[in-house]
Amino acid sequence: MKTVLDVQRRLAELGFDPGPLDGLRGRKTIAAVEMYQRVNHLAVDGIAGPATIRALFGGAPVSPQDTPDATPWLDIALSKKGLREKADNAELRAFLKSGGGTVGDPAKVPWCGDFVETCIAIALPREVLPNNPYAAMSWATWGRECNPQPGAILSFWRGSPDNWQGHVGFYVAEDATHFHVLGGNQSDAVTITRIAKTRLRKGGARWPLTALAIDAGARISDGSGLIETTNEA
């Protein structure tokens, strides 16, 4: 499967400047993809999807989930895994600001929504965010509903199903009873943790409107080594 770095190198070879060859889908890379698409009469969306990958590299058709831009927001989130709200405060605060706004110091306020907002804003600059992206429950009606699958945004209730308080993060995998969620404000860090499936809000698995439409299906894992959380405040 082609990577973002492969796309950047190919764009540079063809005279489309993707910015630093760093393997990150930043704004310059998105702009270079858009320019390439425009010149080659492809749909201009800045996403290196199946048609763009085939135009760039040739070969057999690929499925959306096998392209480098399948879930770029999840790639960004994974790159921040392990950052702690106190020990890595400066780095984490700088990242949370890089999406265009922030709820504040992660060591002092809940920041799961801030983390999701930042990953989406960087990866999908055309995506319309919730009116209040820092409130976890706002993500339960954002985008479009989807089946739980890698990259899906999962919105959970906390305390009781009708409580406004909650948690939001990204689907990584699942076992029989729990989702494995990559998110911020989990044990005061960016981690992958197990959260009970019964806590998912109604319609609470969501997919960005400006992303590739993917139905990759569930990813099953036994969750070995992951802790379970019941209160992410």
Protein backbone atom coordinates (compact mmCIF):
# COMPACT_ATOMS: atom_id res chain seq x y z
CA MET A 1 0.00 0.00 0.00
CA LYS A 2 1.25 3.48 -0.87
CA THR A 3 2.02 5.81 2.02
CA VAL A 4 1.72 9.56 2.44
CA LEU A 5 5.50 9.75 1.96
CA ASP A 6 5.18 7.85 -1.34
CA VAL A 7 2.56 10.37 -2.47
CA GLN A 8 4.73 13.31 -1.43
CA ARG A 9 7.75 11.95 -3.32
CA ARG A 10 5.72 11.28 -6.44
CA LEU A 11 4.14 14.74 -6.36
CA ALA A 12 7.58 16.32 -5.97
CA GLU A 13 8.88 14.28 -8.94
CA LEU A 14 6.02 15.62 -11.05
CA GLY A 15 6.63 19.23 -10.02
CA PHE A 16 3.90 19.65 -7.42
CA ASP A 17 5.40 20.91 -4.18
CA PRO A 18 4.04 18.90 -1.22
CA GLY A 19 6.19 20.66 1.35
CA PRO A 20 8.61 18.68 3.51
CA LEU A 21 8.89 15.00 2.60
CA ASP A 22 7.90 13.97 6.11
CA GLY A 23 5.07 11.48 5.63
CA LEU A 24 2.54 13.85 7.22
CA ARG A 25 -0.63 14.96 5.44
CA GLY A 26 -0.27 18.67 6.09
CA ARG A 27 -1.84 21.62 4.32
CA LYS A 28 0.93 21.91 1.70
CA THR A 29 0.55 18.25 0.79
CA ILE A 30 -3.23 18.66 0.54
CA ALA A 31 -2.74 21.73 -1.70
CA ALA A 32 -0.31 19.80 -3.92
CA VAL A 33 -2.79 16.93 -4.28
CA GLU A 34 -5.51 19.43 -5.21
CA MET A 35 -3.30 21.02 -7.86
CA TYR A 36 -2.41 17.62 -9.30
CA GLN A 37 -6.09 16.66 -9.39
CA ARG A 38 -7.05 19.92 -11.09
CA VAL A 39 -4.36 19.56 -13.77
CA ASN A 40 -5.31 15.94 -14.40
CA HIS A 41 -9.08 16.52 -14.49
CA LEU A 42 -9.80 14.51 -11.34
CA ALA A 43 -12.28 15.35 -8.61
CA VAL A 44 -10.57 18.11 -6.61
CA ASP A 45 -10.85 17.18 -2.94
CA GLY A 46 -7.21 17.04 -1.76
CA ILE A 47 -7.61 13.38 -0.86
CA ALA A 48 -5.28 10.77 -2.34
CA GLY A 49 -8.10 8.31 -2.89
CA PRO A 50 -8.35 5.41 -5.36
CA ALA A 51 -8.59 7.51 -8.56
CA THR A 52 -5.74 9.82 -7.56
CA ILE A 53 -3.48 6.96 -6.44
CA ARG A 54 -4.03 5.15 -9.74
CA ALA A 55 -3.29 8.32 -11.70
CA LEU A 56 -0.10 8.93 -9.71
CA PHE A 57 1.27 5.40 -9.71
CA GLY A 58 -0.66 3.34 -12.25
CA GLY A 59 -1.42 -0.29 -11.54
CA ALA A 60 -4.60 -2.03 -10.50
CA PRO A 61 -7.45 -0.19 -8.75
CA VAL A 62 -7.27 0.01 -4.96
CA SER A 63 -10.05 0.17 -2.40
CA PRO A 64 -10.56 3.34 -0.35
CA GLN A 65 -9.32 1.73 2.88
CA ASP A 66 -6.05 0.81 1.15
CA THR A 67 -5.15 4.40 0.27
CA PRO A 68 -2.85 6.61 2.37
CA ASP A 69 -5.63 9.13 2.99
CA ALA A 70 -8.15 6.58 4.28
CA THR A 71 -8.10 7.85 7.88
CA PRO A 72 -5.49 10.63 8.15
CA TRP A 73 -7.00 11.94 11.40
CA LEU A 74 -6.37 8.56 13.03
CA ASP A 75 -2.76 8.63 11.81
CA ILE A 76 -2.30 12.01 13.50
CA ALA A 77 -3.89 10.74 16.72
CA LEU A 78 -1.65 7.67 16.76
CA SER A 79 1.43 9.87 16.35
CA LYS A 80 0.53 11.60 19.65
CA LYS A 81 -0.06 8.40 21.62
CA GLY A 82 1.77 8.50 24.94
CA LEU A 83 1.72 12.27 25.46
CA ARG A 84 0.83 13.05 29.09
CA GLU A 85 -1.07 16.12 30.21
CA LYS A 86 1.48 17.08 32.88
CA ALA A 87 4.86 15.57 31.91
CA ASP A 88 4.41 16.56 28.24
CA ASN A 89 2.27 19.62 28.88
CA ALA A 90 4.08 22.06 26.58
CA GLU A 91 4.12 19.67 23.61
CA LEU A 92 0.52 18.66 24.16
CA ARG A 93 -0.71 22.24 24.52
CA ALA A 94 1.11 23.24 21.32
CA PHE A 95 -0.54 20.37 19.46
CA LEU A 96 -4.03 21.20 20.77
CA LYS A 97 -3.59 24.80 19.60
CA SER A 98 -2.42 23.76 16.14
CA GLY A 99 -5.94 22.90 14.99
CA GLY A 100 -7.01 26.54 15.25
CA GLY A 101 -8.32 26.68 18.82
CA THR A 102 -8.12 25.00 22.18
CA VAL A 103 -10.17 24.55 25.32
CA GLY A 104 -7.18 25.36 27.52
CA ASP A 105 -4.53 23.66 29.63
CA PRO A 106 -5.10 19.88 29.46
CA ALA A 107 -3.76 19.53 32.98
CA LYS A 108 -6.66 21.68 34.25
CA VAL A 109 -9.67 20.99 31.99
CA PRO A 110 -11.21 17.97 30.21
CA TRP A 111 -9.65 17.76 26.74
CA CYS A 112 -10.96 14.67 24.95
CA GLY A 113 -13.02 16.83 22.56
CA ASP A 114 -10.09 19.18 22.06
CA PHE A 115 -7.94 16.22 20.99
CA VAL A 116 -10.51 14.94 18.49
CA GLU A 117 -11.13 18.46 17.14
CA THR A 118 -7.40 19.03 16.58
CA CYS A 119 -6.88 15.75 14.72
CA ILE A 120 -9.89 16.36 12.47
CA ALA A 121 -9.08 20.03 11.82
CA ILE A 122 -5.51 19.27 10.76
CA ALA A 123 -6.34 16.24 8.60
CA LEU A 124 -9.54 17.58 7.02
CA PRO A 125 -9.33 21.38 6.82
CA ARG A 126 -12.63 21.61 4.87
CA GLU A 127 -14.60 19.65 7.46
CA VAL A 128 -17.25 21.63 9.32
CA LEU A 129 -16.74 20.98 13.02
CA PRO A 130 -19.44 20.86 15.71
CA ASN A 131 -20.51 24.22 17.11
CA ASN A 132 -18.84 23.25 20.36
CA PRO A 133 -16.20 20.67 19.43
CA TYR A 134 -14.86 20.57 22.99
CA ALA A 135 -18.08 19.00 24.35
CA ALA A 136 -17.99 15.22 23.84
CA MET A 137 -21.72 14.93 23.21
CA SER A 138 -21.48 17.38 20.27
CA TRP A 139 -19.74 14.69 18.25
CA ALA A 140 -22.72 12.30 18.56
CA THR A 141 -24.63 14.16 15.82
CA TRP A 142 -21.69 15.45 13.76
CA GLY A 143 -20.78 14.16 10.30
CA ARG A 144 -22.68 11.06 9.31
CA GLU A 145 -23.52 7.93 11.23
CA CYS A 146 -21.39 4.90 10.42
CA ASN A 147 -20.65 1.41 11.66
CA PRO A 148 -17.92 1.24 14.31
CA GLN A 149 -14.68 0.78 12.36
CA PRO A 150 -11.09 2.05 12.47
CA GLY A 151 -11.11 5.84 12.46
CA ALA A 152 -14.76 6.27 13.48
CA ILE A 153 -15.40 8.94 16.10
CA LEU A 154 -17.15 7.39 19.09
CA SER A 155 -19.20 9.49 21.51
CA PHE A 156 -19.94 7.99 24.94
CA TRP A 157 -22.20 9.02 27.80
CA ARG A 158 -20.87 9.25 31.33
CA GLY A 159 -22.95 8.65 34.46
CA SER A 160 -26.21 7.91 32.63
CA PRO A 161 -27.36 7.77 28.98
CA ASP A 162 -29.19 11.11 29.17
CA ASN A 163 -26.31 12.92 30.88
CA TRP A 164 -24.66 15.71 28.87
CA GLN A 165 -21.30 14.66 30.26
CA GLY A 166 -19.34 12.12 28.29
CA HIS A 167 -16.23 11.18 26.38
CA VAL A 168 -15.13 11.08 22.74
CA GLY A 169 -12.31 9.29 20.95
CA PHE A 170 -11.36 7.24 17.92
CA TYR A 171 -12.22 3.60 17.26
CA VAL A 172 -9.13 1.41 16.95
CA ALA A 173 -10.58 -2.06 17.55
CA GLU A 174 -13.07 -3.92 19.73
CA ASP A 175 -13.66 -7.11 21.65
CA ALA A 176 -16.95 -8.76 22.61
CA THR A 177 -17.93 -6.16 25.20
CA HIS A 178 -15.69 -3.12 24.76
CA PHE A 179 -14.45 -0.69 22.14
CA HIS A 180 -10.72 0.03 22.10
CA VAL A 181 -10.58 3.81 21.98
CA LEU A 182 -7.67 6.08 21.14
CA GLY A 183 -8.22 9.44 22.76
CA GLY A 184 -7.08 12.23 25.00
CA ASN A 185 -7.85 12.65 28.69
CA GLN A 186 -7.61 8.88 29.19
CA SER A 187 -5.57 8.25 32.35
CA ASP A 188 -4.40 11.86 31.91
CA ALA A 189 -2.74 11.05 28.58
CA VAL A 190 -3.27 10.08 24.95
CA THR A 191 -3.84 6.34 25.25
CA ILE A 192 -5.81 3.41 23.89
CA THR A 193 -8.27 2.15 26.47
CA ARG A 194 -11.28 -0.17 26.69
CA ILE A 195 -14.70 1.49 27.01
CA ALA A 196 -17.90 -0.52 27.40
CA LYS A 197 -20.01 -0.74 24.24
CA THR A 198 -23.10 -0.09 26.34
CA ARG A 199 -21.89 3.48 26.92
CA LEU A 200 -21.96 4.45 23.23
CA ARG A 201 -24.54 7.16 22.63
CA LYS A 202 -27.34 6.47 20.17
CA GLY A 203 -25.94 7.20 16.73
CA GLY A 204 -22.60 7.80 18.42
CA ALA A 205 -20.32 6.27 15.77
CA ARG A 206 -19.62 9.04 13.25
CA TRP A 207 -17.62 9.63 10.07
CA PRO A 208 -16.40 12.93 8.56
CA LEU A 209 -18.38 14.21 5.58
CA THR A 210 -15.27 15.30 3.64
CA ALA A 211 -13.40 12.01 4.10
CA LEU A 212 -13.42 8.98 1.84
CA ALA A 213 -16.53 6.88 2.36
CA ILE A 214 -15.28 3.65 3.90
CA ASP A 215 -17.02 0.64 5.36
CA ALA A 216 -14.04 -1.42 6.51
CA GLY A 217 -15.91 -3.37 9.17
CA ALA A 218 -14.99 -4.08 12.76
CA ARG A 219 -11.44 -4.88 13.83
CA ILE A 220 -11.49 -7.60 16.46
CA SER A 221 -8.84 -7.76 19.16
CA ASP A 222 -8.65 -9.42 22.56
CA GLY A 223 -7.60 -6.15 24.20
CA SER A 224 -4.60 -7.68 25.95
CA GLY A 225 -2.73 -5.10 27.98
CA LEU A 226 -5.44 -2.44 27.75
CA ILE A 227 -7.11 -1.05 30.85
CA GLU A 228 -10.82 -0.33 31.09
CA THR A 229 -12.09 3.10 32.08
CA THR A 230 -15.52 4.03 33.38
CA ASN A 231 -14.94 7.73 34.11
CA GLU A 232 -12.62 9.74 31.85
CA ALA A 233 -13.07 13.10 33.61
